[in-house]
Protein backbone atom coordinates (compact mmCIF):
# COMPACT_ATOMS: atom_id res chain seq x y z
CA MET A 1 102.78 84.96 100.76
CA LEU A 2 103.08 83.89 104.35
CA SER A 3 101.87 80.53 105.56
CA ASP A 4 98.73 80.38 107.68
CA SER A 5 100.91 79.55 110.66
CA HIS A 6 103.11 82.64 110.15
CA ARG A 7 100.03 84.81 109.68
CA GLN A 8 98.61 83.50 112.96
CA THR A 9 101.94 84.17 114.71
CA LEU A 10 101.82 87.79 113.54
CA LYS A 11 98.16 88.17 114.60
CA ASP A 12 99.01 86.77 118.04
CA LEU A 13 102.03 89.08 118.23
CA ALA A 14 99.90 92.13 117.36
CA LYS A 15 97.40 91.30 120.10
CA ALA A 16 100.18 90.55 122.60
CA SER A 17 101.84 93.91 121.88
CA ILE A 18 98.57 95.76 122.51
CA GLU A 19 98.01 93.83 125.76
CA HIS A 20 101.62 94.53 126.76
CA GLY A 21 101.00 98.21 126.04
CA LEU A 22 97.98 98.24 128.34
CA LYS A 23 100.07 96.77 131.18
CA TYR A 24 103.45 98.42 130.66
CA GLY A 25 102.90 101.47 128.42
CA ARG A 26 105.25 100.28 125.68
CA PRO A 27 105.24 97.80 122.77
CA LEU A 28 106.26 94.18 123.21
CA GLN A 29 109.97 93.71 122.49
CA ILE A 30 110.74 91.08 119.87
CA ASP A 31 113.74 88.76 119.99
CA PRO A 32 114.51 87.98 116.32
CA ALA A 33 116.35 84.82 117.37
CA THR A 34 113.02 83.30 118.42
CA MET A 35 111.30 84.03 115.09
CA ALA A 36 111.15 82.10 111.83
CA ASP A 37 113.29 83.55 109.04
CA GLU A 38 110.16 84.66 107.13
CA LEU A 39 109.17 86.85 110.10
CA ILE A 40 112.45 88.73 110.44
CA VAL A 41 112.93 89.96 106.87
CA GLN A 42 112.56 93.72 106.64
CA ARG A 43 109.03 94.59 105.55
CA ALA A 44 106.80 97.64 105.84
CA THR A 45 103.45 97.05 107.53
CA PHE A 46 100.24 98.75 108.58
CA VAL A 47 98.08 97.68 111.48
CA THR A 48 94.40 98.62 111.37
CA LEU A 49 92.21 98.31 114.44
CA GLU A 50 88.44 98.24 114.21
CA LYS A 51 85.91 98.28 117.01
CA GLN A 52 82.47 96.99 116.02
CA GLY A 53 83.29 97.58 112.34
CA GLN A 54 84.46 101.18 112.86
CA LEU A 55 88.05 102.39 112.50
CA ARG A 56 89.73 102.60 115.93
CA GLY A 57 93.34 103.14 114.86
CA CYS A 58 95.65 102.68 111.90
CA ILE A 59 99.41 103.16 111.93
CA GLY A 60 102.14 101.90 109.65
CA MET A 61 105.28 102.44 107.68
CA LEU A 62 105.56 102.94 103.92
CA GLU A 63 109.17 101.77 103.74
CA ALA A 64 110.73 98.68 105.29
CA ARG A 65 112.97 99.75 108.16
CA ARG A 66 112.81 96.86 110.62
CA PRO A 67 112.10 93.12 110.76
CA LEU A 68 108.52 92.12 109.96
CA ALA A 69 107.66 90.83 113.46
CA GLU A 70 109.12 93.93 115.10
CA ASP A 71 107.24 96.23 112.70
CA ILE A 72 103.96 94.45 113.54
CA ALA A 73 104.59 94.75 117.29
CA GLU A 74 105.52 98.45 117.06
CA ASN A 75 102.67 99.39 114.72
CA SER A 76 100.09 97.44 116.74
CA TYR A 77 101.08 99.36 119.84
CA ALA A 78 101.07 102.67 117.95
CA ALA A 79 97.65 101.99 116.35
CA ALA A 80 96.21 101.30 119.80
CA PHE A 81 97.82 104.12 121.74
CA SER A 82 99.32 106.76 119.40
CA ASP A 83 96.90 107.33 116.50
CA PRO A 84 96.18 111.07 116.90
CA ARG A 85 92.61 110.62 115.64
CA PHE A 86 91.62 108.50 118.66
CA PRO A 87 92.13 108.41 122.43
CA PRO A 88 94.44 105.66 123.68
CA LEU A 89 92.81 102.23 123.73
CA GLU A 90 91.36 101.12 127.05
CA GLU A 91 91.35 97.56 128.36
CA SER A 92 87.53 97.45 128.21
CA GLU A 93 87.74 97.76 124.39
CA LEU A 94 89.88 94.65 123.82
CA GLY A 95 86.93 92.27 123.50
CA ASP A 96 85.39 94.30 120.65
CA LEU A 97 88.68 94.88 118.81
CA SER A 98 89.47 93.41 115.37
CA ILE A 99 93.10 93.51 114.23
CA HIS A 100 93.91 93.66 110.52
CA LEU A 101 97.49 93.38 109.28
CA SER A 102 98.80 94.57 105.91
CA ILE A 103 102.28 93.78 104.64
CA LEU A 104 103.30 96.18 101.88
CA SER A 105 105.25 95.51 98.73
CA PRO A 106 107.91 98.09 97.86
CA ALA A 107 106.29 101.20 96.34
CA GLU A 108 106.78 101.86 92.64
CA SER A 109 106.43 105.18 90.87
CA ILE A 110 103.42 105.80 88.63
CA PRO A 111 104.53 108.21 85.90
CA CYS A 112 101.70 110.64 85.19
CA GLN A 113 101.30 114.24 84.10
CA SER A 114 97.66 114.63 85.06
CA GLU A 115 95.00 113.20 87.32
CA ALA A 116 93.34 111.62 84.27
CA GLU A 117 96.59 109.73 83.49
CA LEU A 118 96.82 108.57 87.09
CA ILE A 119 93.21 107.34 87.05
CA GLN A 120 93.87 105.33 83.87
CA GLN A 121 96.79 103.52 85.53
CA LEU A 122 95.17 102.72 88.88
CA ARG A 123 94.04 99.17 89.60
CA PRO A 124 91.01 99.39 91.93
CA ASP A 125 90.97 96.85 94.77
CA ILE A 126 94.66 96.06 94.09
CA ASP A 127 96.69 99.25 94.43
CA GLY A 128 97.52 101.13 97.56
CA LEU A 129 98.39 104.70 96.62
CA ILE A 130 100.84 107.27 97.96
CA LEU A 131 100.57 110.89 96.87
CA ASP A 132 103.56 113.11 97.64
CA ASP A 133 103.91 116.83 96.95
CA SER A 134 106.90 118.08 98.98
CA SER A 135 105.42 118.72 102.44
CA HIS A 136 102.10 116.96 101.70
CA ARG A 137 102.05 113.17 101.76
CA ALA A 138 99.35 110.56 102.40
CA THR A 139 98.47 107.00 101.57
CA PHE A 140 95.41 104.80 101.26
CA LEU A 141 95.74 101.05 101.66
CA PRO A 142 94.05 98.90 98.98
CA SER A 143 91.28 98.12 101.50
CA VAL A 144 90.06 101.74 101.18
CA TRP A 145 88.71 100.84 97.71
CA GLU A 146 85.83 99.14 99.57
CA SER A 147 84.53 102.51 100.75
CA LEU A 148 85.78 104.60 97.79
CA PRO A 149 85.38 102.35 94.70
CA LYS A 150 85.57 105.13 92.08
CA PRO A 151 89.18 106.03 91.20
CA ALA A 152 88.45 109.78 91.07
CA ASP A 153 86.89 109.68 94.55
CA PHE A 154 89.78 107.58 95.83
CA ILE A 155 92.30 110.17 94.59
CA HIS A 156 90.26 113.19 95.74
CA HIS A 157 89.89 111.84 99.28
CA LEU A 158 93.59 110.96 99.38
CA LYS A 159 94.50 114.51 98.35
CA MET A 160 92.32 115.85 101.16
CA LYS A 161 93.95 113.44 103.62
CA ALA A 162 97.30 114.91 102.51
CA GLY A 163 96.00 118.41 103.22
CA LEU A 164 95.53 119.34 99.57
CA PRO A 165 92.37 120.51 97.78
CA LYS A 166 90.59 117.67 95.99
CA ASN A 167 91.05 119.35 92.59
CA TYR A 168 94.78 120.00 93.18
CA TRP A 169 97.41 118.96 90.66
CA SER A 170 100.96 120.15 90.09
CA ARG A 171 104.02 119.01 88.17
CA GLU A 172 105.67 118.26 91.53
CA LEU A 173 102.95 115.83 92.64
CA ARG A 174 104.27 112.25 92.65
CA ALA A 175 102.22 109.06 92.79
CA TYR A 176 103.38 105.63 93.94
CA ARG A 177 101.56 102.31 94.06
CA TYR A 178 102.03 99.25 96.22
CA THR A 179 100.14 96.07 96.94
CA THR A 180 99.48 94.37 100.26
CA GLU A 181 99.18 90.93 101.73
CA SER A 182 96.33 91.54 104.16
CA PHE A 183 94.88 89.31 106.83
């Protein structure tokens, strides 16, 4: 768990990267030498933007590939300007924007041979879920449980997000869980 001060630093960094993107068309560059050690460990993150309570962008990484502060800056910029579901953010939207950060734990495999087995192992409100079936892959953060509280609905909507039918199952389908520190 990060301290309140480190959380605030990351929130400020996310906002600064979006503002930098509006001015310069690229994410804010991070100098790791200026960051606390806790903010430069490699961590995977998601940045979710909401405007007046509605999703406005969400981009992230499922695997840690860069320092935490850099991942937040890059994903904040991408959520604002590169989420294919939305037009690029405009400066007039900044005042109505809420920024939510999620730091992911490493994903762990959930062994299951059927959807029923997967449902039995899921922990609503705790688990983020990745479904992977060769060329089809999608994830839901744990926060999605708020809008899809029934495990079967959670899984069915995630399959559809991955481009699969909601009743799809195969022996090649893999499930992974992770948790988040969200703020």
